[in-house]
Amino acid sequence: MVKKTTIDMLTQDNVSIKKQNYVVQEGEEYAIGDTWRKAYANTLKGRIALQEEMSVAIVGEVYIVWGNIPTMEEVPETEVDNSIQPPNIEERIAALEEVLMMII
């Protein structure tokens, strides 16, 4: 079995890395299993993740296009309020009935 890592969709602002396992039979390669894919943004955090997760060769090839300075700013993470619950079925029916009464 051969494992290949491929640089896919490389732009100034991001890159997608693909990993795939192959078997070789009679000189032909056949992909097996699921394809692994991950995108990295040309931000400080994206560059750190790329360097931690990929080989020096892959990082070097990406940096040929990206250069030495990130081209994108970090997107601030937003907090999710998990305490908010979606309405239950009774609440949904009551809301629909209320809307119907407004229409009629």
Foldseek 3Di string as FASTA:
>chain_A
DDKDKDWPDQALFKTKIKIFDWDADPNDTDTDDDIDMDMATLEPVSLVVCVVPDDPVVSVVSCVRNPDHRPDYDDDDDDDDPVDDDDDPVVVVVVVVVVVVVVD
